[in-house]
Amino acid sequence: MTTHTIRQGEYLARIAQGYGFTDPDVIWNLPENQALRDAGRTPVTLAPGDDLFLPERTDRTLTRATEHRYKAKVKVSVVRLRVVLQTLGGKALANAPGTLRTAASDSKVTTDGKGLFEVILIGATEAAELRLADEGSAVRGIVIPLHIGHLDPVTTVSGQEARLNNLGYRAGIGGDVSALVFRSAVEEFQCDEKLRVDGTCGPATQAKLGSVHGS
C-alpha cells in the first residue's frame, strides 16, 4: 500500500496516471479511502494535504497464439471539463464560440443556451486556455485561463474563495475568513440566494455555494 499526499492542482485521474493505473476507480474505491469520501471529497476536488491510499500495482500478461489478430480493451482515464460562462450580471453567455487550448490539442467549442460547454480531456491535463471568438461581441478575444484540478473542496476556505470568485463575487485570495473582502462576498452571495446574511460561510452557505457553482 502506498500513501500519496495531495498537492495543489492534483486530481485523481492525474495521480492514477502518474502511478501507472489506467482505472482511477481502483484507487478511489479502496476501503482505506473511505475517510476522504466521508469528508465530501470527490475525484476532482481533493484538498492539499489529504492522504490518498493506492494499492500495489500488478502487471497483467496476456498469452495468445501467433498468426491471429486480437483486440484488447483498456479503460483510459478521462476528465469531463464543464465550463459555464456568464456576464457580470449573471446572464448566460449563450451560443458563444471559442477555442479551448491544452498542451495536447486545440478544440473548437460553443456554449449552449445556458452558457455551458463540455469537453472530454484524456490524460493528466492541468491547464487550459479558453479564447472567445464571438464576432461583433464585447467578449471577442477575451482569454480565460483554466486551472484544472485546482478547485479545492467547498468545505475549505480556498474552495469557498474560488467558487465565489468564479461566480463574480470578488472574494479575494488568502484564506482569511475574517478578511473584509471575503465576508462581504459571502454576504452578497447569501443575500442573492436568500440565505441568512451573516458573512459566515457555514454548512448551509457551503451547500448552496456548491449547488450554484455546480461542483
N, C-alpha and C. Protein backbone atom coordinates (compact mmCIF):
# COMPACT_ATOMS: atom_id res chain seq x y z
N MET A 1 0.85 -1.19 0.00
CA MET A 1 0.00 0.00 0.00
C MET A 1 0.89 1.25 0.00
N THR A 2 0.57 2.19 -0.88
CA THR A 2 1.31 3.44 -0.99
C THR A 2 0.43 4.60 -0.57
N THR A 3 1.00 5.57 0.12
CA THR A 3 0.27 6.77 0.51
C THR A 3 0.78 7.96 -0.29
N HIS A 4 -0.15 8.67 -0.92
CA HIS A 4 0.21 9.86 -1.70
C HIS A 4 -0.45 11.07 -1.05
N THR A 5 0.33 12.08 -0.70
CA THR A 5 -0.19 13.31 -0.11
C THR A 5 -0.50 14.30 -1.23
N ILE A 6 -1.75 14.76 -1.26
CA ILE A 6 -2.22 15.61 -2.34
C ILE A 6 -1.51 16.96 -2.34
N ARG A 7 -1.09 17.38 -3.52
CA ARG A 7 -0.54 18.71 -3.72
C ARG A 7 -1.53 19.54 -4.52
N GLN A 8 -1.40 20.86 -4.44
CA GLN A 8 -2.31 21.76 -5.15
C GLN A 8 -2.31 21.44 -6.65
N GLY A 9 -3.51 21.33 -7.22
CA GLY A 9 -3.63 21.08 -8.66
C GLY A 9 -3.74 19.61 -9.03
N GLU A 10 -3.66 18.72 -8.04
CA GLU A 10 -3.75 17.29 -8.34
C GLU A 10 -5.20 16.81 -8.23
N TYR A 11 -5.57 15.91 -9.13
CA TYR A 11 -6.87 15.25 -9.06
C TYR A 11 -6.65 13.78 -9.37
N LEU A 12 -7.68 12.96 -9.11
CA LEU A 12 -7.49 11.52 -9.09
C LEU A 12 -6.96 10.96 -10.41
N ALA A 13 -7.53 11.36 -11.54
CA ALA A 13 -7.10 10.80 -12.83
C ALA A 13 -5.63 11.11 -13.10
N ARG A 14 -5.21 12.30 -12.71
CA ARG A 14 -3.82 12.68 -12.92
C ARG A 14 -2.89 11.86 -12.03
N ILE A 15 -3.29 11.67 -10.78
CA ILE A 15 -2.48 10.87 -9.86
C ILE A 15 -2.39 9.42 -10.34
N ALA A 16 -3.54 8.87 -10.76
CA ALA A 16 -3.58 7.49 -11.23
C ALA A 16 -2.63 7.28 -12.40
N GLN A 17 -2.65 8.20 -13.34
CA GLN A 17 -1.76 8.07 -14.49
C GLN A 17 -0.30 8.12 -14.07
N GLY A 18 0.00 8.97 -13.11
CA GLY A 18 1.38 9.09 -12.65
C GLY A 18 1.91 7.82 -12.00
N TYR A 19 0.99 7.03 -11.40
CA TYR A 19 1.40 5.78 -10.76
C TYR A 19 1.19 4.57 -11.66
N GLY A 20 0.77 4.81 -12.89
CA GLY A 20 0.63 3.71 -13.84
C GLY A 20 -0.70 2.98 -13.80
N PHE A 21 -1.75 3.61 -13.22
CA PHE A 21 -3.08 3.00 -13.20
C PHE A 21 -3.93 3.57 -14.34
N THR A 22 -4.60 2.72 -15.09
CA THR A 22 -5.47 3.19 -16.16
C THR A 22 -6.89 3.42 -15.66
N ASP A 23 -7.26 2.83 -14.54
CA ASP A 23 -8.60 2.97 -13.97
C ASP A 23 -8.53 3.63 -12.60
N PRO A 24 -8.86 4.93 -12.50
CA PRO A 24 -8.78 5.62 -11.21
C PRO A 24 -9.70 5.04 -10.14
N ASP A 25 -10.81 4.39 -10.56
CA ASP A 25 -11.74 3.83 -9.59
C ASP A 25 -11.10 2.76 -8.71
N VAL A 26 -10.09 2.10 -9.23
CA VAL A 26 -9.38 1.08 -8.44
C VAL A 26 -8.78 1.72 -7.19
N ILE A 27 -8.36 2.95 -7.33
CA ILE A 27 -7.79 3.69 -6.20
C ILE A 27 -8.91 4.27 -5.33
N TRP A 28 -9.84 4.95 -5.95
CA TRP A 28 -10.87 5.69 -5.22
C TRP A 28 -11.74 4.78 -4.36
N ASN A 29 -12.02 3.58 -4.84
CA ASN A 29 -12.93 2.68 -4.13
C ASN A 29 -12.26 1.85 -3.04
N LEU A 30 -10.99 2.06 -2.79
CA LEU A 30 -10.32 1.34 -1.71
C LEU A 30 -11.00 1.66 -0.36
N PRO A 31 -11.18 0.68 0.49
CA PRO A 31 -11.73 0.95 1.83
C PRO A 31 -10.90 1.97 2.60
N GLU A 32 -9.60 1.99 2.35
CA GLU A 32 -8.71 2.92 3.06
C GLU A 32 -8.99 4.38 2.69
N ASN A 33 -9.69 4.60 1.57
CA ASN A 33 -10.02 5.97 1.15
C ASN A 33 -11.44 6.38 1.53
N GLN A 34 -12.09 5.57 2.38
CA GLN A 34 -13.45 5.88 2.81
C GLN A 34 -13.50 7.21 3.56
N ALA A 35 -12.46 7.51 4.32
CA ALA A 35 -12.45 8.76 5.09
C ALA A 35 -12.51 9.98 4.17
N LEU A 36 -11.87 9.91 3.01
CA LEU A 36 -11.94 11.01 2.06
C LEU A 36 -13.36 11.16 1.51
N ARG A 37 -13.97 10.03 1.19
CA ARG A 37 -15.34 10.08 0.66
C ARG A 37 -16.30 10.61 1.72
N ASP A 38 -16.10 10.18 2.97
CA ASP A 38 -16.96 10.64 4.05
C ASP A 38 -16.80 12.14 4.30
N ALA A 39 -15.62 12.67 4.01
CA ALA A 39 -15.36 14.09 4.22
C ALA A 39 -15.86 14.96 3.06
N GLY A 40 -16.51 14.32 2.09
CA GLY A 40 -17.06 15.08 0.97
C GLY A 40 -16.10 15.33 -0.16
N ARG A 41 -14.94 14.66 -0.10
CA ARG A 41 -14.01 14.79 -1.21
C ARG A 41 -14.56 14.05 -2.43
N THR A 42 -14.15 14.50 -3.61
CA THR A 42 -14.52 13.82 -4.84
C THR A 42 -13.25 13.60 -5.65
N PRO A 43 -13.29 12.77 -6.69
CA PRO A 43 -12.08 12.56 -7.50
C PRO A 43 -11.49 13.82 -8.10
N VAL A 44 -12.30 14.88 -8.22
CA VAL A 44 -11.77 16.12 -8.83
C VAL A 44 -11.66 17.27 -7.83
N THR A 45 -12.09 17.06 -6.58
CA THR A 45 -11.93 18.10 -5.56
C THR A 45 -11.28 17.50 -4.33
N LEU A 46 -9.98 17.35 -4.41
CA LEU A 46 -9.18 16.89 -3.29
C LEU A 46 -8.46 18.10 -2.70
N ALA A 47 -8.20 18.07 -1.42
CA ALA A 47 -7.56 19.21 -0.76
C ALA A 47 -6.07 18.95 -0.56
N PRO A 48 -5.24 19.96 -0.79
CA PRO A 48 -3.82 19.79 -0.49
C PRO A 48 -3.63 19.32 0.95
N GLY A 49 -2.79 18.30 1.11
CA GLY A 49 -2.56 17.73 2.43
C GLY A 49 -3.35 16.46 2.68
N ASP A 50 -4.40 16.20 1.88
CA ASP A 50 -5.13 14.94 2.01
C ASP A 50 -4.20 13.77 1.71
N ASP A 51 -4.40 12.67 2.41
CA ASP A 51 -3.65 11.44 2.13
C ASP A 51 -4.52 10.48 1.33
N LEU A 52 -4.04 10.09 0.17
CA LEU A 52 -4.74 9.16 -0.70
C LEU A 52 -3.97 7.84 -0.72
N PHE A 53 -4.68 6.74 -0.46
CA PHE A 53 -4.04 5.43 -0.44
C PHE A 53 -4.14 4.78 -1.83
N LEU A 54 -3.05 4.15 -2.26
CA LEU A 54 -3.02 3.48 -3.54
C LEU A 54 -2.63 2.01 -3.34
N PRO A 55 -3.28 1.10 -4.08
CA PRO A 55 -2.92 -0.32 -3.95
C PRO A 55 -1.61 -0.59 -4.69
N GLU A 56 -1.06 -1.74 -4.44
CA GLU A 56 0.12 -2.14 -5.19
C GLU A 56 -0.30 -2.45 -6.63
N ARG A 57 0.45 -1.93 -7.56
CA ARG A 57 0.11 -2.15 -8.97
C ARG A 57 0.68 -3.48 -9.44
N THR A 58 -0.14 -4.22 -10.17
CA THR A 58 0.30 -5.50 -10.72
C THR A 58 0.18 -5.47 -12.24
N ASP A 59 1.17 -6.00 -12.91
CA ASP A 59 1.14 -6.07 -14.37
C ASP A 59 0.41 -7.32 -14.82
N ARG A 60 -0.29 -7.19 -15.93
CA ARG A 60 -1.00 -8.34 -16.47
C ARG A 60 -0.30 -8.82 -17.74
N THR A 61 -0.24 -10.11 -17.89
CA THR A 61 0.37 -10.70 -19.08
C THR A 61 -0.69 -11.49 -19.85
N LEU A 62 -0.85 -11.19 -21.13
CA LEU A 62 -1.79 -11.90 -21.98
C LEU A 62 -1.00 -12.83 -22.90
N THR A 63 -1.37 -14.08 -22.88
CA THR A 63 -0.72 -15.06 -23.75
C THR A 63 -1.69 -15.48 -24.85
N ARG A 64 -1.28 -15.29 -26.09
CA ARG A 64 -2.13 -15.61 -27.23
C ARG A 64 -1.30 -16.33 -28.29
N ALA A 65 -2.00 -17.11 -29.08
CA ALA A 65 -1.32 -17.82 -30.17
C ALA A 65 -0.95 -16.86 -31.28
N THR A 66 0.09 -17.21 -32.00
CA THR A 66 0.52 -16.39 -33.14
C THR A 66 -0.38 -16.64 -34.35
N GLU A 67 -0.20 -15.82 -35.38
CA GLU A 67 -0.94 -15.94 -36.63
C GLU A 67 -2.42 -15.59 -36.47
N HIS A 68 -2.75 -14.84 -35.43
CA HIS A 68 -4.14 -14.40 -35.23
C HIS A 68 -4.13 -12.93 -34.79
N ARG A 69 -5.27 -12.29 -34.96
CA ARG A 69 -5.43 -10.91 -34.50
C ARG A 69 -6.35 -10.89 -33.28
N TYR A 70 -5.99 -10.03 -32.34
CA TYR A 70 -6.78 -9.94 -31.11
C TYR A 70 -7.02 -8.47 -30.78
N LYS A 71 -8.10 -8.22 -30.07
CA LYS A 71 -8.40 -6.87 -29.60
C LYS A 71 -8.36 -6.87 -28.07
N ALA A 72 -7.72 -5.88 -27.53
CA ALA A 72 -7.66 -5.71 -26.07
C ALA A 72 -8.24 -4.35 -25.71
N LYS A 73 -9.14 -4.33 -24.75
CA LYS A 73 -9.75 -3.08 -24.30
C LYS A 73 -9.10 -2.62 -23.00
N VAL A 74 -8.72 -1.35 -22.97
CA VAL A 74 -8.10 -0.78 -21.77
C VAL A 74 -8.90 0.46 -21.36
N LYS A 75 -9.28 0.51 -20.10
CA LYS A 75 -10.01 1.67 -19.59
C LYS A 75 -9.04 2.83 -19.44
N VAL A 76 -9.36 3.97 -20.08
CA VAL A 76 -8.47 5.12 -20.08
C VAL A 76 -9.03 6.20 -19.15
N SER A 77 -8.16 6.86 -18.40
CA SER A 77 -8.58 7.94 -17.51
C SER A 77 -9.03 9.15 -18.34
N VAL A 78 -10.25 9.60 -18.09
CA VAL A 78 -10.75 10.79 -18.77
C VAL A 78 -11.33 11.73 -17.72
N VAL A 79 -11.35 13.00 -18.05
CA VAL A 79 -11.94 14.03 -17.18
C VAL A 79 -12.93 14.82 -18.00
N ARG A 80 -14.12 15.00 -17.48
CA ARG A 80 -15.13 15.80 -18.16
C ARG A 80 -15.03 17.24 -17.65
N LEU A 81 -14.62 18.14 -18.52
CA LEU A 81 -14.48 19.55 -18.15
C LEU A 81 -15.77 20.28 -18.52
N ARG A 82 -16.42 20.87 -17.52
CA ARG A 82 -17.65 21.64 -17.72
C ARG A 82 -17.38 23.09 -17.38
N VAL A 83 -17.68 23.97 -18.32
CA VAL A 83 -17.45 25.41 -18.13
C VAL A 83 -18.75 26.15 -18.43
N VAL A 84 -19.15 27.03 -17.52
CA VAL A 84 -20.32 27.88 -17.72
C VAL A 84 -19.86 29.32 -17.76
N LEU A 85 -20.25 30.02 -18.82
CA LEU A 85 -19.87 31.42 -18.99
C LEU A 85 -21.08 32.32 -18.76
N GLN A 86 -20.89 33.35 -17.94
CA GLN A 86 -21.94 34.30 -17.65
C GLN A 86 -21.37 35.72 -17.71
N THR A 87 -22.26 36.69 -17.92
CA THR A 87 -21.87 38.09 -17.83
C THR A 87 -21.77 38.46 -16.35
N LEU A 88 -21.26 39.66 -16.06
CA LEU A 88 -21.17 40.09 -14.67
C LEU A 88 -22.53 40.20 -14.01
N GLY A 89 -23.57 40.36 -14.83
CA GLY A 89 -24.92 40.43 -14.28
C GLY A 89 -25.56 39.08 -14.06
N GLY A 90 -24.80 38.00 -14.34
CA GLY A 90 -25.32 36.67 -14.13
C GLY A 90 -26.10 36.11 -15.30
N LYS A 91 -26.10 36.81 -16.45
CA LYS A 91 -26.80 36.32 -17.63
C LYS A 91 -25.92 35.33 -18.38
N ALA A 92 -26.52 34.23 -18.84
CA ALA A 92 -25.76 33.21 -19.56
C ALA A 92 -25.19 33.77 -20.86
N LEU A 93 -23.93 33.45 -21.13
CA LEU A 93 -23.29 33.82 -22.39
C LEU A 93 -23.58 32.69 -23.37
N ALA A 94 -24.75 32.78 -24.00
CA ALA A 94 -25.24 31.67 -24.82
C ALA A 94 -24.66 31.70 -26.23
N ASN A 95 -24.48 30.50 -26.78
CA ASN A 95 -24.06 30.31 -28.18
C ASN A 95 -22.77 31.06 -28.51
N ALA A 96 -21.86 31.10 -27.56
CA ALA A 96 -20.60 31.81 -27.76
C ALA A 96 -19.54 30.82 -28.23
N PRO A 97 -18.94 31.07 -29.42
CA PRO A 97 -17.90 30.17 -29.91
C PRO A 97 -16.54 30.53 -29.33
N GLY A 98 -15.66 29.56 -29.29
CA GLY A 98 -14.31 29.81 -28.81
C GLY A 98 -13.40 28.64 -29.10
N THR A 99 -12.17 28.77 -28.66
CA THR A 99 -11.17 27.71 -28.83
C THR A 99 -10.60 27.35 -27.48
N LEU A 100 -10.64 26.06 -27.15
CA LEU A 100 -10.06 25.57 -25.91
C LEU A 100 -8.70 24.97 -26.25
N ARG A 101 -7.66 25.52 -25.68
CA ARG A 101 -6.29 25.07 -25.98
C ARG A 101 -5.70 24.37 -24.77
N THR A 102 -5.19 23.17 -25.00
CA THR A 102 -4.44 22.44 -23.98
C THR A 102 -3.06 22.11 -24.57
N ALA A 103 -2.22 21.51 -23.76
CA ALA A 103 -0.90 21.14 -24.26
C ALA A 103 -0.99 20.10 -25.36
N ALA A 104 -2.10 19.33 -25.38
CA ALA A 104 -2.24 18.25 -26.34
C ALA A 104 -2.90 18.68 -27.64
N SER A 105 -3.87 19.62 -27.57
CA SER A 105 -4.61 19.96 -28.78
C SER A 105 -5.42 21.23 -28.60
N ASP A 106 -5.96 21.72 -29.72
CA ASP A 106 -6.91 22.82 -29.73
C ASP A 106 -8.27 22.27 -30.13
N SER A 107 -9.34 22.70 -29.44
CA SER A 107 -10.68 22.22 -29.75
C SER A 107 -11.62 23.41 -29.90
N LYS A 108 -12.46 23.36 -30.93
CA LYS A 108 -13.49 24.37 -31.11
C LYS A 108 -14.66 24.04 -30.19
N VAL A 109 -15.14 25.03 -29.44
CA VAL A 109 -16.25 24.82 -28.52
C VAL A 109 -17.27 25.93 -28.72
N THR A 110 -18.52 25.65 -28.35
CA THR A 110 -19.59 26.64 -28.40
C THR A 110 -20.50 26.40 -27.20
N THR A 111 -20.82 27.46 -26.48
CA THR A 111 -21.71 27.31 -25.32
C THR A 111 -23.14 27.06 -25.79
N ASP A 112 -23.92 26.40 -24.93
CA ASP A 112 -25.33 26.18 -25.25
C ASP A 112 -26.15 27.37 -24.74
N GLY A 113 -27.47 27.19 -24.69
CA GLY A 113 -28.32 28.30 -24.28
C GLY A 113 -28.14 28.73 -22.85
N LYS A 114 -27.51 27.87 -22.03
CA LYS A 114 -27.25 28.21 -20.63
C LYS A 114 -25.81 28.66 -20.40
N GLY A 115 -25.07 28.85 -21.50
CA GLY A 115 -23.68 29.29 -21.37
C GLY A 115 -22.71 28.16 -21.06
N LEU A 116 -23.15 26.92 -21.25
CA LEU A 116 -22.36 25.75 -20.87
C LEU A 116 -21.73 25.07 -22.08
N PHE A 117 -20.49 24.62 -21.92
CA PHE A 117 -19.93 23.66 -22.86
C PHE A 117 -19.18 22.60 -22.07
N GLU A 118 -19.10 21.41 -22.65
CA GLU A 118 -18.40 20.28 -22.02
C GLU A 118 -17.43 19.67 -23.01
N VAL A 119 -16.28 19.27 -22.53
CA VAL A 119 -15.30 18.55 -23.35
C VAL A 119 -14.71 17.43 -22.50
N ILE A 120 -14.26 16.39 -23.18
CA ILE A 120 -13.59 15.28 -22.52
C ILE A 120 -12.09 15.46 -22.66
N LEU A 121 -11.40 15.43 -21.54
CA LEU A 121 -9.95 15.56 -21.54
C LEU A 121 -9.35 14.19 -21.22
N ILE A 122 -8.44 13.75 -22.05
CA ILE A 122 -7.78 12.47 -21.84
C ILE A 122 -6.37 12.72 -21.31
N GLY A 123 -6.03 12.00 -20.25
CA GLY A 123 -4.69 12.17 -19.69
C GLY A 123 -4.69 13.10 -18.50
N ALA A 124 -3.52 13.58 -18.15
CA ALA A 124 -3.33 14.36 -16.93
C ALA A 124 -3.24 15.85 -17.23
N THR A 125 -4.29 16.40 -17.83
CA THR A 125 -4.30 17.83 -18.17
C THR A 125 -4.41 18.66 -16.90
N GLU A 126 -3.55 19.66 -16.78
CA GLU A 126 -3.59 20.53 -15.60
C GLU A 126 -4.02 21.94 -15.95
N ALA A 127 -3.72 22.38 -17.16
CA ALA A 127 -4.03 23.76 -17.53
C ALA A 127 -4.62 23.80 -18.93
N ALA A 128 -5.50 24.77 -19.14
CA ALA A 128 -6.09 25.00 -20.46
C ALA A 128 -6.32 26.50 -20.61
N GLU A 129 -6.59 26.90 -21.83
CA GLU A 129 -6.84 28.31 -22.11
C GLU A 129 -8.04 28.41 -23.04
N LEU A 130 -9.03 29.21 -22.65
CA LEU A 130 -10.21 29.41 -23.47
C LEU A 130 -10.14 30.80 -24.10
N ARG A 131 -10.19 30.82 -25.42
CA ARG A 131 -10.16 32.10 -26.15
C ARG A 131 -11.51 32.27 -26.85
N LEU A 132 -12.26 33.29 -26.46
CA LEU A 132 -13.57 33.54 -27.05
C LEU A 132 -13.43 34.21 -28.41
N ALA A 133 -14.36 33.86 -29.31
CA ALA A 133 -14.22 34.35 -30.69
C ALA A 133 -15.55 34.80 -31.26
N ASP A 134 -16.44 35.32 -30.43
CA ASP A 134 -17.76 35.75 -30.89
C ASP A 134 -17.64 37.06 -31.67
N GLU A 135 -17.76 36.99 -32.99
CA GLU A 135 -17.61 38.17 -33.85
C GLU A 135 -18.64 39.24 -33.47
N GLY A 136 -18.18 40.47 -33.36
CA GLY A 136 -19.07 41.58 -33.07
C GLY A 136 -19.50 41.67 -31.62
N SER A 137 -18.96 40.80 -30.78
CA SER A 137 -19.33 40.81 -29.37
C SER A 137 -18.23 41.45 -28.54
N ALA A 138 -18.63 42.00 -27.39
CA ALA A 138 -17.66 42.64 -26.50
C ALA A 138 -16.70 41.63 -25.89
N VAL A 139 -17.06 40.35 -25.92
CA VAL A 139 -16.19 39.33 -25.31
C VAL A 139 -15.21 38.75 -26.32
N ARG A 140 -15.29 39.16 -27.58
CA ARG A 140 -14.39 38.60 -28.58
C ARG A 140 -12.94 38.87 -28.22
N GLY A 141 -12.12 37.83 -28.27
CA GLY A 141 -10.69 37.98 -27.99
C GLY A 141 -10.33 37.82 -26.53
N ILE A 142 -11.33 37.70 -25.65
CA ILE A 142 -11.04 37.50 -24.23
C ILE A 142 -10.43 36.12 -24.02
N VAL A 143 -9.37 36.06 -23.24
CA VAL A 143 -8.69 34.81 -22.96
C VAL A 143 -8.88 34.46 -21.48
N ILE A 144 -9.37 33.25 -21.21
CA ILE A 144 -9.65 32.82 -19.85
C ILE A 144 -8.76 31.63 -19.51
N PRO A 145 -7.85 31.77 -18.55
CA PRO A 145 -7.03 30.61 -18.14
C PRO A 145 -7.85 29.68 -17.26
N LEU A 146 -7.70 28.39 -17.47
CA LEU A 146 -8.41 27.39 -16.68
C LEU A 146 -7.39 26.50 -15.97
N HIS A 147 -7.50 26.42 -14.65
CA HIS A 147 -6.58 25.63 -13.85
C HIS A 147 -7.30 24.35 -13.42
N ILE A 148 -7.10 23.29 -14.14
CA ILE A 148 -7.84 22.04 -13.95
C ILE A 148 -7.27 21.29 -12.74
N GLY A 149 -8.16 20.92 -11.84
CA GLY A 149 -7.74 20.21 -10.64
C GLY A 149 -7.39 21.12 -9.48
N HIS A 150 -7.50 22.43 -9.65
CA HIS A 150 -7.11 23.38 -8.61
C HIS A 150 -8.29 23.80 -7.73
N LEU A 151 -9.49 23.30 -8.01
CA LEU A 151 -10.65 23.67 -7.19
C LEU A 151 -10.67 22.80 -5.94
N ASP A 152 -10.47 23.44 -4.80
CA ASP A 152 -10.47 22.72 -3.52
C ASP A 152 -11.90 22.46 -3.06
N PRO A 153 -12.10 21.52 -2.12
CA PRO A 153 -13.45 21.23 -1.62
C PRO A 153 -14.13 22.48 -1.07
N VAL A 154 -15.46 22.51 -1.17
CA VAL A 154 -16.22 23.67 -0.72
C VAL A 154 -16.14 23.84 0.79
N THR A 155 -15.72 22.81 1.50
CA THR A 155 -15.57 22.90 2.96
C THR A 155 -14.31 23.65 3.36
N THR A 156 -13.41 23.92 2.41
CA THR A 156 -12.18 24.65 2.71
C THR A 156 -12.36 26.12 2.32
N VAL A 157 -11.64 27.00 2.99
CA VAL A 157 -11.75 28.43 2.70
C VAL A 157 -11.28 28.72 1.27
N SER A 158 -10.19 28.06 0.85
CA SER A 158 -9.70 28.28 -0.51
C SER A 158 -10.73 27.83 -1.54
N GLY A 159 -11.48 26.77 -1.24
CA GLY A 159 -12.53 26.32 -2.14
C GLY A 159 -13.70 27.29 -2.18
N GLN A 160 -14.01 27.87 -1.04
CA GLN A 160 -15.09 28.87 -0.98
C GLN A 160 -14.68 30.13 -1.75
N GLU A 161 -13.45 30.59 -1.56
CA GLU A 161 -12.96 31.76 -2.28
C GLU A 161 -13.03 31.54 -3.79
N ALA A 162 -12.55 30.37 -4.23
CA ALA A 162 -12.51 30.10 -5.67
C ALA A 162 -13.91 30.11 -6.27
N ARG A 163 -14.87 29.48 -5.60
CA ARG A 163 -16.23 29.43 -6.13
C ARG A 163 -16.87 30.81 -6.14
N LEU A 164 -16.68 31.58 -5.08
CA LEU A 164 -17.22 32.94 -5.05
C LEU A 164 -16.59 33.79 -6.14
N ASN A 165 -15.28 33.68 -6.32
CA ASN A 165 -14.61 34.45 -7.38
C ASN A 165 -15.12 34.03 -8.75
N ASN A 166 -15.29 32.73 -8.97
CA ASN A 166 -15.79 32.25 -10.26
C ASN A 166 -17.18 32.78 -10.56
N LEU A 167 -17.97 32.97 -9.49
CA LEU A 167 -19.34 33.48 -9.66
C LEU A 167 -19.40 35.00 -9.70
N GLY A 168 -18.25 35.67 -9.62
CA GLY A 168 -18.20 37.12 -9.75
C GLY A 168 -18.35 37.90 -8.46
N TYR A 169 -18.14 37.25 -7.31
CA TYR A 169 -18.34 37.94 -6.04
C TYR A 169 -17.06 38.56 -5.46
N ARG A 170 -15.93 38.39 -6.10
CA ARG A 170 -14.69 39.05 -5.70
C ARG A 170 -14.36 38.81 -4.22
N ALA A 171 -14.11 37.54 -3.90
CA ALA A 171 -13.85 37.16 -2.51
C ALA A 171 -12.39 37.28 -2.12
N GLY A 172 -11.52 37.57 -3.08
CA GLY A 172 -10.10 37.67 -2.80
C GLY A 172 -9.45 36.29 -2.70
N ILE A 173 -8.17 36.28 -2.39
CA ILE A 173 -7.40 35.05 -2.22
C ILE A 173 -6.51 35.23 -1.00
N GLY A 174 -6.47 34.23 -0.15
CA GLY A 174 -5.61 34.35 1.02
C GLY A 174 -6.00 33.45 2.16
N GLY A 175 -7.25 32.96 2.17
CA GLY A 175 -7.65 32.01 3.19
C GLY A 175 -7.98 32.62 4.53
N ASP A 176 -8.27 33.91 4.58
CA ASP A 176 -8.59 34.58 5.84
C ASP A 176 -10.10 34.81 5.91
N VAL A 177 -10.80 34.00 6.73
CA VAL A 177 -12.26 34.11 6.80
C VAL A 177 -12.69 35.42 7.46
N SER A 178 -11.78 36.09 8.15
CA SER A 178 -12.14 37.35 8.80
C SER A 178 -11.88 38.55 7.91
N ALA A 179 -11.28 38.33 6.74
CA ALA A 179 -10.98 39.43 5.82
C ALA A 179 -12.28 40.08 5.34
N LEU A 180 -12.29 41.40 5.29
CA LEU A 180 -13.50 42.14 4.91
C LEU A 180 -13.96 41.76 3.52
N VAL A 181 -13.02 41.59 2.59
CA VAL A 181 -13.40 41.27 1.21
C VAL A 181 -14.08 39.91 1.13
N PHE A 182 -13.63 38.96 1.93
CA PHE A 182 -14.24 37.63 1.94
C PHE A 182 -15.63 37.66 2.57
N ARG A 183 -15.74 38.29 3.73
CA ARG A 183 -17.03 38.37 4.41
C ARG A 183 -18.05 39.13 3.57
N SER A 184 -17.61 40.18 2.88
CA SER A 184 -18.52 40.95 2.03
C SER A 184 -19.03 40.10 0.87
N ALA A 185 -18.13 39.31 0.29
CA ALA A 185 -18.53 38.43 -0.81
C ALA A 185 -19.54 37.39 -0.34
N VAL A 186 -19.29 36.81 0.84
CA VAL A 186 -20.21 35.82 1.41
C VAL A 186 -21.58 36.47 1.65
N GLU A 187 -21.59 37.68 2.20
CA GLU A 187 -22.84 38.38 2.47
C GLU A 187 -23.62 38.64 1.19
N GLU A 188 -22.93 39.07 0.13
CA GLU A 188 -23.59 39.32 -1.15
C GLU A 188 -24.21 38.03 -1.69
N PHE A 189 -23.45 36.95 -1.60
CA PHE A 189 -23.96 35.66 -2.07
C PHE A 189 -25.17 35.24 -1.26
N GLN A 190 -25.09 35.35 0.06
CA GLN A 190 -26.20 34.98 0.93
C GLN A 190 -27.44 35.81 0.62
N CYS A 191 -27.24 37.08 0.38
CA CYS A 191 -28.36 37.97 0.06
C CYS A 191 -29.02 37.55 -1.25
N ASP A 192 -28.20 37.30 -2.27
CA ASP A 192 -28.72 36.91 -3.58
C ASP A 192 -29.47 35.58 -3.53
N GLU A 193 -29.01 34.67 -2.67
CA GLU A 193 -29.60 33.33 -2.60
C GLU A 193 -30.62 33.20 -1.46
N LYS A 194 -30.96 34.36 -0.84
CA LYS A 194 -31.99 34.39 0.21
C LYS A 194 -31.63 33.49 1.40
N LEU A 195 -30.38 33.54 1.77
CA LEU A 195 -29.91 32.84 2.96
C LEU A 195 -29.77 33.83 4.11
N ARG A 196 -29.57 33.33 5.29
CA ARG A 196 -29.29 34.21 6.42
C ARG A 196 -27.98 34.95 6.16
N VAL A 197 -28.03 36.28 6.23
CA VAL A 197 -26.87 37.11 5.89
C VAL A 197 -26.06 37.38 7.16
N ASP A 198 -24.93 36.65 7.29
CA ASP A 198 -24.08 36.86 8.46
C ASP A 198 -22.59 36.91 8.10
N GLY A 199 -22.27 36.76 6.80
CA GLY A 199 -20.87 36.82 6.37
C GLY A 199 -20.06 35.61 6.72
N THR A 200 -20.71 34.57 7.25
CA THR A 200 -20.02 33.34 7.62
C THR A 200 -20.41 32.23 6.65
N CYS A 201 -19.43 31.57 6.08
CA CYS A 201 -19.71 30.51 5.10
C CYS A 201 -19.86 29.18 5.83
N GLY A 202 -20.99 29.04 6.53
CA GLY A 202 -21.26 27.83 7.28
C GLY A 202 -21.82 26.72 6.39
N PRO A 203 -22.27 25.63 7.00
CA PRO A 203 -22.74 24.47 6.22
C PRO A 203 -23.84 24.80 5.21
N ALA A 204 -24.83 25.60 5.60
CA ALA A 204 -25.93 25.93 4.68
C ALA A 204 -25.42 26.75 3.50
N THR A 205 -24.56 27.70 3.77
CA THR A 205 -24.00 28.52 2.69
C THR A 205 -23.08 27.71 1.81
N GLN A 206 -22.29 26.81 2.42
CA GLN A 206 -21.42 25.94 1.63
C GLN A 206 -22.23 25.07 0.68
N ALA A 207 -23.32 24.50 1.19
CA ALA A 207 -24.17 23.63 0.36
C ALA A 207 -24.74 24.41 -0.82
N LYS A 208 -25.21 25.62 -0.57
CA LYS A 208 -25.80 26.44 -1.63
C LYS A 208 -24.72 26.88 -2.61
N LEU A 209 -23.56 27.21 -2.09
CA LEU A 209 -22.44 27.65 -2.94
C LEU A 209 -22.03 26.52 -3.89
N GLY A 210 -21.94 25.30 -3.36
CA GLY A 210 -21.60 24.17 -4.21
C GLY A 210 -22.65 23.91 -5.26
N SER A 211 -23.92 24.07 -4.89
CA SER A 211 -25.03 23.84 -5.83
C SER A 211 -25.04 24.88 -6.94
N VAL A 212 -24.91 26.15 -6.57
CA VAL A 212 -24.94 27.23 -7.57
C VAL A 212 -23.73 27.15 -8.48
N HIS A 213 -22.58 26.85 -7.91
CA HIS A 213 -21.35 26.77 -8.72
C HIS A 213 -21.36 25.54 -9.62
N GLY A 214 -22.03 24.48 -9.16
CA GLY A 214 -22.11 23.27 -9.96
C GLY A 214 -21.06 22.23 -9.61
N SER A 215 -20.31 22.46 -8.56
CA SER A 215 -19.31 21.49 -8.10
C SER A 215 -18.86 21.86 -6.70
